[in-house]
C-alpha atoms as a PDB file:
ATOM      1  CA  MET A   1      -0.369  -0.489   0.692  1.00  0.00           C
ATOM      2  CA  ALA A   2       0.927   3.197  -0.910  1.00  0.00           C
ATOM      3  CA  ARG A   3       2.580   5.762   2.380  1.00  0.00           C
ATOM      4  CA  THR A   4       4.325   9.577   2.308  1.00  0.00           C
ATOM      5  CA  SER A   5       7.904   9.899   1.870  1.00  0.00           C
ATOM      6  CA  THR A   6       7.756  11.617   4.611  1.00  0.00           C
ATOM      7  CA  GLY A   7       6.481  10.503   7.570  1.00  0.00           C
ATOM      8  CA  SER A   8       5.121   7.235   6.484  1.00  0.00           C
ATOM      9  CA  TYR A   9       1.375   8.412   6.157  1.00  0.00           C
ATOM     10  CA  PRO A  10      -1.433   6.035   4.677  1.00  0.00           C
ATOM     11  CA  ILE A  11      -3.179   7.705   1.265  1.00  0.00           C
ATOM     12  CA  GLY A  12      -6.444   7.472   0.658  1.00  0.00           C
ATOM     13  CA  PHE A  13      -8.817   9.390  -0.752  1.00  0.00           C
ATOM     14  CA  ARG A  14     -11.763  10.660  -0.288  1.00  0.00           C
ATOM     15  CA  GLN A  15     -15.302   9.353  -1.381  1.00  0.00           C
ATOM     16  CA  GLY A  16     -17.121  11.185  -3.968  1.00  0.00           C
ATOM     17  CA  TRP A  17     -20.138  11.576  -5.614  1.00  0.00           C
ATOM     18  CA  SER A  18     -20.401   9.857  -8.556  1.00  0.00           C
ATOM     19  CA  ALA A  19     -21.966   6.431  -8.967  1.00  0.00           C
ATOM     20  CA  TRP A  20     -18.902   4.082  -8.766  1.00  0.00           C
ATOM     21  CA  GLN A  21     -17.782   5.783  -5.500  1.00  0.00           C
ATOM     22  CA  LYS A  22     -21.425   5.362  -4.827  1.00  0.00           C
ATOM     23  CA  ASP A  23     -21.453   2.058  -5.119  1.00  0.00           C
ATOM     24  CA  VAL A  24     -19.116   1.161  -2.084  1.00  0.00           C
ATOM     25  CA  PRO A  25     -18.022  -2.567  -2.891  1.00  0.00           C
ATOM     26  CA  THR A  26     -16.960  -0.964  -6.752  1.00  0.00           C
ATOM     27  CA  LEU A  27     -15.246   1.609  -4.043  1.00  0.00           C
ATOM     28  CA  THR A  28     -14.057  -0.793  -1.510  1.00  0.00           C
ATOM     29  CA  SER A  29     -12.161  -3.062  -4.137  1.00  0.00           C
ATOM     30  CA  TRP A  30     -10.665  -0.673  -6.867  1.00  0.00           C
ATOM     31  CA  ALA A  31      -9.171   0.960  -3.878  1.00  0.00           C
ATOM     32  CA  LYS A  32      -7.516  -2.013  -2.392  1.00  0.00           C
ATOM     33  CA  GLY A  33      -6.588  -2.766  -6.148  1.00  0.00           C
ATOM     34  CA  ASN A  34      -5.021   0.812  -6.730  1.00  0.00           C
ATOM     35  CA  GLU A  35      -3.015   0.940  -3.285  1.00  0.00           C
ATOM     36  CA  PHE A  36      -4.605   2.651  -0.829  1.00  0.00           C
ATOM     37  CA  GLU A  37      -5.000   2.140   2.400  1.00  0.00           C
ATOM     38  CA  VAL A  38      -7.766   4.534   3.532  1.00  0.00           C
ATOM     39  CA  VAL A  39     -11.477   5.793   2.012  1.00  0.00           C
ATOM     40  CA  ASP A  40     -13.342   8.574   3.773  1.00  0.00           C
ATOM     41  CA  VAL A  41     -16.817   8.184   3.433  1.00  0.00           C
ATOM     42  CA  GLY A  42     -20.033   9.957   4.340  1.00  0.00           C
ATOM     43  CA  ALA A  43     -23.005   9.331   7.159  1.00  0.00           C
ATOM     44  CA  LEU A  44     -22.575   5.516   5.767  1.00  0.00           C
ATOM     45  CA  GLU A  45     -24.567   3.335   7.797  1.00  0.00           C
ATOM     46  CA  ALA A  46     -22.602   0.472  10.764  1.00  0.00           C
ATOM     47  CA  ASP A  47     -22.722  -2.432   8.150  1.00  0.00           C
ATOM     48  CA  LYS A  48     -21.331  -0.591   5.369  1.00  0.00           C
ATOM     49  CA  LEU A  49     -18.772   0.761   8.081  1.00  0.00           C
ATOM     50  CA  LYS A  50     -17.815  -2.844   8.269  1.00  0.00           C
ATOM     51  CA  SER A  51     -17.635  -3.869   5.539  1.00  0.00           C
ATOM     52  CA  ILE A  52     -15.168  -1.696   4.441  1.00  0.00           C
ATOM     53  CA  VAL A  53     -12.335  -2.408   7.319  1.00  0.00           C
ATOM     54  CA  ALA A  54     -13.605  -6.198   6.730  1.00  0.00           C
ATOM     55  CA  ALA A  55     -12.551  -5.254   2.796  1.00  0.00           C
ATOM     56  CA  GLY A  56      -9.024  -4.623   4.589  1.00  0.00           C
ATOM     57  CA  LEU A  57      -9.242  -0.740   4.384  1.00  0.00           C
ATOM     58  CA  LYS A  58      -8.792   1.513   7.664  1.00  0.00           C
ATOM     59  CA  LEU A  59     -11.464   4.177   8.253  1.00  0.00           C
ATOM     60  CA  GLY A  60     -10.365   7.667   7.111  1.00  0.00           C
ATOM     61  CA  THR A  61     -12.724  10.000   8.146  1.00  0.00           C
ATOM     62  CA  VAL A  62     -16.381  10.028   8.375  1.00  0.00           C
ATOM     63  CA  ASP A  63     -18.690  12.676   7.726  1.00  0.00           C
ATOM     64  CA  LEU A  64     -21.503  14.373  10.403  1.00  0.00           C
ATOM     65  CA  LYS A  65     -25.185  13.064   9.879  1.00  0.00           C
ATOM     66  CA  SER A  66     -27.422  16.648   9.185  1.00  0.00           C
ATOM     67  CA  TRP A  67     -24.838  18.952  10.591  1.00  0.00           C
ATOM     68  CA  GLY A  68     -26.295  21.948   9.241  1.00  0.00           C
ATOM     69  CA  ASP A  69     -28.442  22.343  12.910  1.00  0.00           C
ATOM     70  CA  LEU A  70     -25.508  21.872  14.908  1.00  0.00           C
ATOM     71  CA  VAL A  71     -25.457  25.386  14.378  1.00  0.00           C
ATOM     72  CA  SER A  72     -29.364  26.694  13.925  1.00  0.00           C
ATOM     73  CA  PRO A  73     -30.242  30.055  15.983  1.00  0.00           C
ATOM     74  CA  ASP A  74     -33.189  27.296  17.882  1.00  0.00           C
ATOM     75  CA  ALA A  75     -31.540  25.584  20.912  1.00  0.00           C
ATOM     76  CA  GLY A  76     -33.922  23.004  20.898  1.00  0.00           C
ATOM     77  CA  LYS A  77     -32.507  21.705  16.918  1.00  0.00           C
ATOM     78  CA  ARG A  78     -29.496  22.047  17.994  1.00  0.00           C
ATOM     79  CA  LYS A  79     -30.279  19.622  21.008  1.00  0.00           C
ATOM     80  CA  ASP A  80     -31.403  16.996  18.401  1.00  0.00           C
ATOM     81  CA  CYS A  81     -28.844  16.952  15.713  1.00  0.00           C
ATOM     82  CA  ALA A  82     -26.795  16.732  18.821  1.00  0.00           C
ATOM     83  CA  ALA A  83     -28.168  13.663  20.202  1.00  0.00           C
ATOM     84  CA  LEU A  84     -28.625  12.430  16.550  1.00  0.00           C
ATOM     85  CA  ASN A  85     -25.429  12.910  16.071  1.00  0.00           C
ATOM     86  CA  ALA A  86     -23.523  11.303  19.354  1.00  0.00           C
ATOM     87  CA  ALA A  87     -26.093   8.282  18.615  1.00  0.00           C
ATOM     88  CA  TYR A  88     -24.742   7.550  15.258  1.00  0.00           C
ATOM     89  CA  ILE A  89     -21.088   8.247  15.745  1.00  0.00           C
ATOM     90  CA  LYS A  90     -22.130   5.050  18.941  1.00  0.00           C
ATOM     91  CA  THR A  91     -22.859   3.245  16.568  1.00  0.00           C
ATOM     92  CA  ALA A  92     -19.794   3.910  14.099  1.00  0.00           C
ATOM     93  CA  VAL A  93     -17.254   3.838  16.295  1.00  0.00           C
ATOM     94  CA  ASP A  94     -18.000   0.420  16.895  1.00  0.00           C
ATOM     95  CA  ALA A  95     -17.732   0.351  13.583  1.00  0.00           C
ATOM     96  CA  GLY A  96     -14.400   1.152  13.320  1.00  0.00           C
ATOM     97  CA  ALA A  97     -14.764   4.662  13.134  1.00  0.00           C
ATOM     98  CA  LYS A  98     -12.059   7.029  14.544  1.00  0.00           C
ATOM     99  CA  VAL A  99     -13.247  10.445  13.546  1.00  0.00           C
ATOM    100  CA  PHE A 100     -15.633  12.329  12.086  1.00  0.00           C
ATOM    101  CA  PHE A 101     -16.282  15.149   9.621  1.00  0.00           C
ATOM    102  CA  THR A 102     -17.911  17.744   9.657  1.00  0.00           C
ATOM    103  CA  LEU A 103     -18.409  22.114   8.559  1.00  0.00           C
ATOM    104  CA  VAL A 104     -18.971  24.296  10.752  1.00  0.00           C
ATOM    105  CA  MET A 105     -22.168  25.399   8.760  1.00  0.00           C
ATOM    106  CA  PRO A 106     -24.752  27.671   9.712  1.00  0.00           C
ATOM    107  CA  THR A 107     -28.530  27.009   8.520  1.00  0.00           C
ATOM    108  CA  GLU A 108     -28.719  30.848   8.210  1.00  0.00           C
ATOM    109  CA  PRO A 109     -25.770  32.897   6.845  1.00  0.00           C
ATOM    110  CA  GLY A 110     -26.850  35.625   6.825  1.00  0.00           C
ATOM    111  CA  ARG A 111     -26.658  35.991  10.763  1.00  0.00           C
ATOM    112  CA  PRO A 112     -24.061  38.435  12.394  1.00  0.00           C
ATOM    113  CA  ARG A 113     -21.139  35.912  12.595  1.00  0.00           C
ATOM    114  CA  LYS A 114     -20.447  35.645  16.760  1.00  0.00           C
ATOM    115  CA  GLU A 115     -24.949  34.804  17.443  1.00  0.00           C
ATOM    116  CA  ASN A 116     -23.110  31.938  14.947  1.00  0.00           C
ATOM    117  CA  PHE A 117     -20.367  31.576  16.350  1.00  0.00           C
ATOM    118  CA  SER A 118     -22.127  30.832  20.037  1.00  0.00           C
ATOM    119  CA  PHE A 119     -25.027  28.466  18.799  1.00  0.00           C
ATOM    120  CA  ALA A 120     -21.595  26.290  17.189  1.00  0.00           C
ATOM    121  CA  VAL A 121     -19.680  26.423  20.454  1.00  0.00           C
ATOM    122  CA  ASP A 122     -23.161  24.589  21.864  1.00  0.00           C
ATOM    123  CA  GLY A 123     -24.436  22.803  19.621  1.00  0.00           C
ATOM    124  CA  TYR A 124     -20.634  21.060  19.385  1.00  0.00           C
ATOM    125  CA  GLY A 125     -20.383  21.283  22.796  1.00  0.00           C
ATOM    126  CA  GLN A 126     -22.419  18.560  23.713  1.00  0.00           C
ATOM    127  CA  LEU A 127     -22.270  16.837  20.347  1.00  0.00           C
ATOM    128  CA  LEU A 128     -18.631  16.510  21.864  1.00  0.00           C
ATOM    129  CA  THR A 129     -19.593  15.777  25.602  1.00  0.00           C
ATOM    130  CA  ALA A 130     -21.869  13.655  24.559  1.00  0.00           C
ATOM    131  CA  ILE A 131     -19.359  11.000  22.291  1.00  0.00           C
ATOM    132  CA  ARG A 132     -15.977  12.313  24.821  1.00  0.00           C
ATOM    133  CA  SER A 133     -16.246   7.945  26.471  1.00  0.00           C
ATOM    134  CA  THR A 134     -16.014   6.675  22.919  1.00  0.00           C
ATOM    135  CA  GLY A 135     -12.865   8.751  21.905  1.00  0.00           C
ATOM    136  CA  ALA A 136     -13.566   9.861  18.921  1.00  0.00           C
ATOM    137  CA  LYS A 137     -12.575  13.306  17.072  1.00  0.00           C
ATOM    138  CA  ILE A 138     -14.130  15.542  15.658  1.00  0.00           C
ATOM    139  CA  ALA A 139     -12.673  17.117  12.108  1.00  0.00           C
ATOM    140  CA  ILE A 140     -13.331  20.213  11.354  1.00  0.00           C
ATOM    141  CA  GLU A 141     -12.425  21.455   8.088  1.00  0.00           C
ATOM    142  CA  GLY A 142     -11.745  25.124   6.882  1.00  0.00           C
ATOM    143  CA  TRP A 143     -14.081  25.131   3.841  1.00  0.00           C
ATOM    144  CA  PRO A 144     -15.491  29.086   3.675  1.00  0.00           C
ATOM    145  CA  GLY A 145     -18.711  27.929   2.422  1.00  0.00           C
ATOM    146  CA  PRO A 146     -20.772  29.222  -0.576  1.00  0.00           C
ATOM    147  CA  SER A 147     -21.197  32.526  -1.593  1.00  0.00           C
ATOM    148  CA  PRO A 148     -22.317  35.188  -0.544  1.00  0.00           C
ATOM    149  CA  HIS A 149     -22.042  34.856   2.641  1.00  0.00           C
ATOM    150  CA  PHE A 150     -19.017  32.871   2.961  1.00  0.00           C
ATOM    151  CA  ALA A 151     -19.957  32.004   6.147  1.00  0.00           C
ATOM    152  CA  THR A 152     -18.731  28.563   7.696  1.00  0.00           C
ATOM    153  CA  LEU A 153     -16.457  29.721  10.990  1.00  0.00           C
ATOM    154  CA  ALA A 154     -13.522  27.829  11.540  1.00  0.00           C
ATOM    155  CA  CYS A 155     -12.140  28.495   7.671  1.00  0.00           C
ATOM    156  CA  THR A 156      -9.515  31.054   9.086  1.00  0.00           C
ATOM    157  CA  THR A 157      -6.448  30.926  11.639  1.00  0.00           C
ATOM    158  CA  ALA A 158      -8.336  33.041  14.299  1.00  0.00           C
ATOM    159  CA  ASP A 159     -11.787  31.065  14.024  1.00  0.00           C
ATOM    160  CA  TYR A 160     -10.263  28.040  13.835  1.00  0.00           C
ATOM    161  CA  ARG A 161      -8.570  29.027  18.051  1.00  0.00           C
ATOM    162  CA  ALA A 162     -11.770  30.600  19.256  1.00  0.00           C
ATOM    163  CA  ILE A 163     -13.549  27.493  18.693  1.00  0.00           C
ATOM    164  CA  LEU A 164     -10.672  25.086  19.930  1.00  0.00           C
ATOM    165  CA  LYS A 165     -10.434  26.538  22.744  1.00  0.00           C
ATOM    166  CA  ASP A 166     -13.967  26.717  23.394  1.00  0.00           C
ATOM    167  CA  LEU A 167     -14.614  22.976  23.183  1.00  0.00           C
ATOM    168  CA  PRO A 168     -14.008  19.889  24.419  1.00  0.00           C
ATOM    169  CA  ASP A 169     -10.641  18.359  23.627  1.00  0.00           C
ATOM    170  CA  ASN A 170     -12.113  15.980  20.888  1.00  0.00           C
ATOM    171  CA  ALA A 171     -12.790  18.833  18.533  1.00  0.00           C
ATOM    172  CA  ALA A 172      -9.640  18.765  15.836  1.00  0.00           C
ATOM    173  CA  VAL A 173      -8.755  20.090  12.966  1.00  0.00           C
ATOM    174  CA  ASN A 174      -8.775  18.214   9.547  1.00  0.00           C
ATOM    175  CA  PHE A 175      -6.526  19.858   7.234  1.00  0.00           C
ATOM    176  CA  ASP A 176      -6.964  21.261   4.231  1.00  0.00           C
ATOM    177  CA  PRO A 177      -4.068  23.662   2.395  1.00  0.00           C
ATOM    178  CA  SER A 178      -5.982  24.087  -0.806  1.00  0.00           C
ATOM    179  CA  HIS A 179      -9.189  26.267   1.385  1.00  0.00           C
ATOM    180  CA  LEU A 180      -5.707  28.440   3.149  1.00  0.00           C
ATOM    181  CA  ILE A 181      -4.014  28.878   0.355  1.00  0.00           C
ATOM    182  CA  ARG A 182      -7.489  30.163  -1.540  1.00  0.00           C
ATOM    183  CA  VAL A 183      -7.817  32.776   1.157  1.00  0.00           C
ATOM    184  CA  GLY A 184      -4.358  33.585   1.201  1.00  0.00           C
ATOM    185  CA  ILE A 185      -3.143  31.556   4.657  1.00  0.00           C
ATOM    186  CA  ASP A 186       0.198  30.297   4.306  1.00  0.00           C
ATOM    187  CA  PRO A 187      -0.350  27.037   5.056  1.00  0.00           C
ATOM    188  CA  VAL A 188       3.217  26.448   6.779  1.00  0.00           C
ATOM    189  CA  ARG A 189       2.052  28.970   9.109  1.00  0.00           C
ATOM    190  CA  PHE A 190      -1.257  27.188  10.253  1.00  0.00           C
ATOM    191  CA  LEU A 191      -0.185  23.717  10.832  1.00  0.00           C
ATOM    192  CA  ALA A 192       2.783  24.691  12.703  1.00  0.00           C
ATOM    193  CA  GLU A 193       0.538  25.726  15.448  1.00  0.00           C
ATOM    194  CA  PHE A 194      -1.929  23.815  15.210  1.00  0.00           C
ATOM    195  CA  ALA A 195      -0.228  20.437  14.160  1.00  0.00           C
ATOM    196  CA  PRO A 196      -1.485  18.634  17.501  1.00  0.00           C
ATOM    197  CA  ARG A 197      -5.239  19.323  16.701  1.00  0.00           C
ATOM    198  CA  VAL A 198      -5.450  17.175  13.282  1.00  0.00           C
ATOM    199  CA  ALA A 199      -7.121  14.658  13.982  1.00  0.00           C
ATOM    200  CA  HIS A 200      -7.724  13.707   9.423  1.00  0.00           C
ATOM    201  CA  VAL A 201      -5.346  16.051   6.418  1.00  0.00           C
ATOM    202  CA  HIS A 202      -6.461  16.243   2.757  1.00  0.00           C
ATOM    203  CA  GLY A 203      -4.945  15.876   0.345  1.00  0.00           C
ATOM    204  CA  LYS A 204      -6.269  18.329  -1.516  1.00  0.00           C
ATOM    205  CA  ASP A 205      -4.409  21.696  -3.602  1.00  0.00           C
ATOM    206  CA  THR A 206      -4.537  25.283  -5.381  1.00  0.00           C
ATOM    207  CA  GLU A 207      -2.990  26.628  -7.994  1.00  0.00           C
ATOM    208  CA  ILE A 208      -3.028  30.320  -7.809  1.00  0.00           C
ATOM    209  CA  PHE A 209      -3.151  32.401 -11.818  1.00  0.00           C
ATOM    210  CA  SER A 210      -1.417  35.600 -10.570  1.00  0.00           C
ATOM    211  CA  GLU A 211      -2.140  36.894 -13.661  1.00  0.00           C
ATOM    212  CA  ALA A 212      -5.382  36.858 -13.222  1.00  0.00           C
ATOM    213  CA  VAL A 213      -5.344  37.720  -9.281  1.00  0.00           C
ATOM    214  CA  GLN A 214      -3.614  41.245 -11.915  1.00  0.00           C
ATOM    215  CA  GLU A 215      -6.178  41.658 -14.412  1.00  0.00           C
ATOM    216  CA  HIS A 216      -9.100  41.225 -11.869  1.00  0.00           C
ATOM    217  CA  GLY A 217      -8.152  41.419  -8.861  1.00  0.00           C
ATOM    218  CA  THR A 218      -9.686  38.465  -6.010  1.00  0.00           C
ATOM    219  CA  LEU A 219     -13.114  40.041  -5.092  1.00  0.00           C
ATOM    220  CA  GLN A 220     -15.357  40.991  -8.020  1.00  0.00           C
ATOM    221  CA  ASP A 221     -15.839  38.470 -10.521  1.00  0.00           C
ATOM    222  CA  PRO A 222     -14.106  39.677 -14.053  1.00  0.00           C
ATOM    223  CA  THR A 223     -16.925  41.061 -16.494  1.00  0.00           C
ATOM    224  CA  PHE A 224     -16.296  39.059 -19.343  1.00  0.00           C
ATOM    225  CA  ALA A 225     -13.965  36.468 -18.889  1.00  0.00           C
ATOM    226  CA  GLY A 226     -14.380  33.121 -17.310  1.00  0.00           C
ATOM    227  CA  GLY A 227     -13.579  30.954 -14.204  1.00  0.00           C
ATOM    228  CA  HIS A 228     -11.909  27.850 -13.666  1.00  0.00           C
ATOM    229  CA  GLY A 229     -13.839  24.507 -12.518  1.00  0.00           C
ATOM    230  CA  PHE A 230     -12.974  24.166  -8.240  1.00  0.00           C
ATOM    231  CA  GLY A 231     -12.374  27.177  -8.466  1.00  0.00           C
ATOM    232  CA  GLY A 232     -12.349  31.208  -9.291  1.00  0.00           C
ATOM    233  CA  SER A 233     -11.716  33.585 -11.489  1.00  0.00           C
ATOM    234  CA  TYR A 234      -7.592  33.484 -10.408  1.00  0.00           C
ATOM    235  CA  TRP A 235      -7.787  29.637  -8.291  1.00  0.00           C
ATOM    236  CA  ARG A 236      -8.389  26.704  -8.829  1.00  0.00           C
ATOM    237  CA  TYR A 237      -9.065  23.556  -6.756  1.00  0.00           C
ATOM    238  CA  THR A 238      -5.605  20.484  -7.801  1.00  0.00           C
ATOM    239  CA  ILE A 239      -4.929  17.188  -6.760  1.00  0.00           C
ATOM    240  CA  PRO A 240      -2.123  17.142  -4.650  1.00  0.00           C
ATOM    241  CA  GLY A 241       1.576  19.007  -6.321  1.00  0.00           C
ATOM    242  CA  GLN A 242       0.037  20.555  -8.966  1.00  0.00           C
ATOM    243  CA  GLY A 243      -0.490  23.905  -6.857  1.00  0.00           C
ATOM    244  CA  GLU A 244       0.913  26.129  -3.945  1.00  0.00           C
ATOM    245  CA  ALA A 245       1.780  23.593  -1.078  1.00  0.00           C
ATOM    246  CA  ARG A 246       4.708  22.178   0.367  1.00  0.00           C
ATOM    247  CA  TRP A 247       3.987  19.233   1.354  1.00  0.00           C
ATOM    248  CA  THR A 248       7.141  18.227   2.103  1.00  0.00           C
ATOM    249  CA  LYS A 249       7.412  21.098   5.126  1.00  0.00           C
ATOM    250  CA  LEU A 250       4.326  19.736   6.105  1.00  0.00           C
ATOM    251  CA  PHE A 251       4.476  16.223   5.730  1.00  0.00           C
ATOM    252  CA  SER A 252       7.302  17.723   8.532  1.00  0.00           C
ATOM    253  CA  ILE A 253       5.691  19.760  10.714  1.00  0.00           C
ATOM    254  CA  LEU A 254       3.013  16.427  11.202  1.00  0.00           C
ATOM    255  CA  LYS A 255       5.929  13.619  12.018  1.00  0.00           C
ATOM    256  CA  ASP A 256       7.382  16.532  14.140  1.00  0.00           C
ATOM    257  CA  ALA A 257       3.858  17.111  16.031  1.00  0.00           C
ATOM    258  CA  LYS A 258       3.934  12.718  15.901  1.00  0.00           C
ATOM    259  CA  TYR A 259       0.550  12.273  13.840  1.00  0.00           C
ATOM    260  CA  ALA A 260      -0.596   9.359  13.557  1.00  0.00           C
ATOM    261  CA  GLY A 261      -3.156   9.748  10.952  1.00  0.00           C
ATOM    262  CA  ALA A 262      -3.911   9.728   6.785  1.00  0.00           C
ATOM    263  CA  VAL A 263      -3.489  11.244   3.921  1.00  0.00           C
ATOM    264  CA  SER A 264      -6.670  11.116   1.668  1.00  0.00           C
ATOM    265  CA  ILE A 265      -6.825  12.499  -1.553  1.00  0.00           C
ATOM    266  CA  GLU A 266      -9.822  14.867  -1.982  1.00  0.00           C
ATOM    267  CA  LEU A 267      -9.954  15.168  -5.572  1.00  0.00           C
ATOM    268  CA  GLU A 268     -11.802  17.546  -6.419  1.00  0.00           C
ATOM    269  CA  ASP A 269      -9.916  18.914 -10.212  1.00  0.00           C
ATOM    270  CA  GLU A 270     -10.694  21.167 -13.317  1.00  0.00           C
ATOM    271  CA  ARG A 271      -8.597  18.670 -14.875  1.00  0.00           C
ATOM    272  CA  PHE A 272      -9.598  15.595 -13.083  1.00  0.00           C
ATOM    273  CA  ASN A 273     -13.151  14.952 -12.514  1.00  0.00           C
ATOM    274  CA  GLY A 274     -16.110  14.565 -15.391  1.00  0.00           C
ATOM    275  CA  SER A 275     -15.841  11.042 -15.694  1.00  0.00           C
ATOM    276  CA  ASP A 276     -14.839   7.528 -14.757  1.00  0.00           C
ATOM    277  CA  ASP A 277     -11.923   7.391 -15.851  1.00  0.00           C
ATOM    278  CA  GLY A 278     -11.000  11.046 -15.441  1.00  0.00           C
ATOM    279  CA  GLU A 279     -11.380  10.999 -11.513  1.00  0.00           C
ATOM    280  CA  LYS A 280      -9.141   7.192 -11.739  1.00  0.00           C
ATOM    281  CA  ARG A 281      -6.998   8.608 -12.851  1.00  0.00           C
ATOM    282  CA  GLY A 282      -6.513  11.706 -10.898  1.00  0.00           C
ATOM    283  CA  LEU A 283      -7.052   9.668  -7.472  1.00  0.00           C
ATOM    284  CA  ILE A 284      -3.766   7.004  -9.146  1.00  0.00           C
ATOM    285  CA  ALA A 285      -2.217  10.532  -9.862  1.00  0.00           C
ATOM    286  CA  GLY A 286      -2.060  12.689  -6.450  1.00  0.00           C
ATOM    287  CA  ARG A 287      -1.742   8.412  -4.938  1.00  0.00           C
ATOM    288  CA  GLN A 288       2.002   8.803  -6.619  1.00  0.00           C
ATOM    289  CA  TYR A 289       2.777  12.198  -6.017  1.00  0.00           C
ATOM    290  CA  LEU A 290       2.427  12.504  -2.122  1.00  0.00           C
ATOM    291  CA  ALA A 291       3.784   8.625  -2.568  1.00  0.00           C
ATOM    292  CA  THR A 292       7.228  11.064  -2.997  1.00  0.00           C
ATOM    293  CA  VAL A 293       7.147  13.942  -0.891  1.00  0.00           C
END
């Protein structure tokens, strides 16, 4: 099975939305046959999680269920969502899951960020307290969310610092340098601060087009020029190695922090997505690159 050169981290990938990836037997068979050791999956039921482990693969992350209501203004919805996910996590842990993926996305993105932040601390706080005995961690990813609000919390250095301070210590970071690069945050400096709290890593990168920045800036959409798939006017998400991330340095920081998890490719790349063959080529290319760094 393929591993990174620095840190010897198992290489896997995040389950996508195409038909062949939604079919768990097909997904596991292809992963095993192409040197992947880990898969990240959606909120699958326990029998499907067990089948992945039985096939000889490790579970990287498993998605929470309906996580939006954890950041609802309605206290009752926050409580119910926390209870729903606590029950799910307990069954998933028994099936072999250890780390659960989420985005701290408010149900009402137009509200002030401070208000939504307080809802998130309450909702996630209830869930994290309820699952403490399981040993599970909840790994928060920093995708900023859709326009026009970009309302996702915990996607900047300051907000990650704040939410990790206010939540129980089984809250963790799903480190994805692509989102940091996109918004102008140095992923090396970020990781130097947060490496001890990282529970999972996404192998995804971002390419920045400096000429497009010069032409159009970073705030407005271009009046006439087009954008990029899985990107915008001046940036695009890529497989590892085709963007700005300094992977060897990042893995060195993780190694020094005694990170013991995996690196899972999240395939969002206009050069590969769109066909089964393209997705498979993209995942293999990402795996091959990560094995060299």
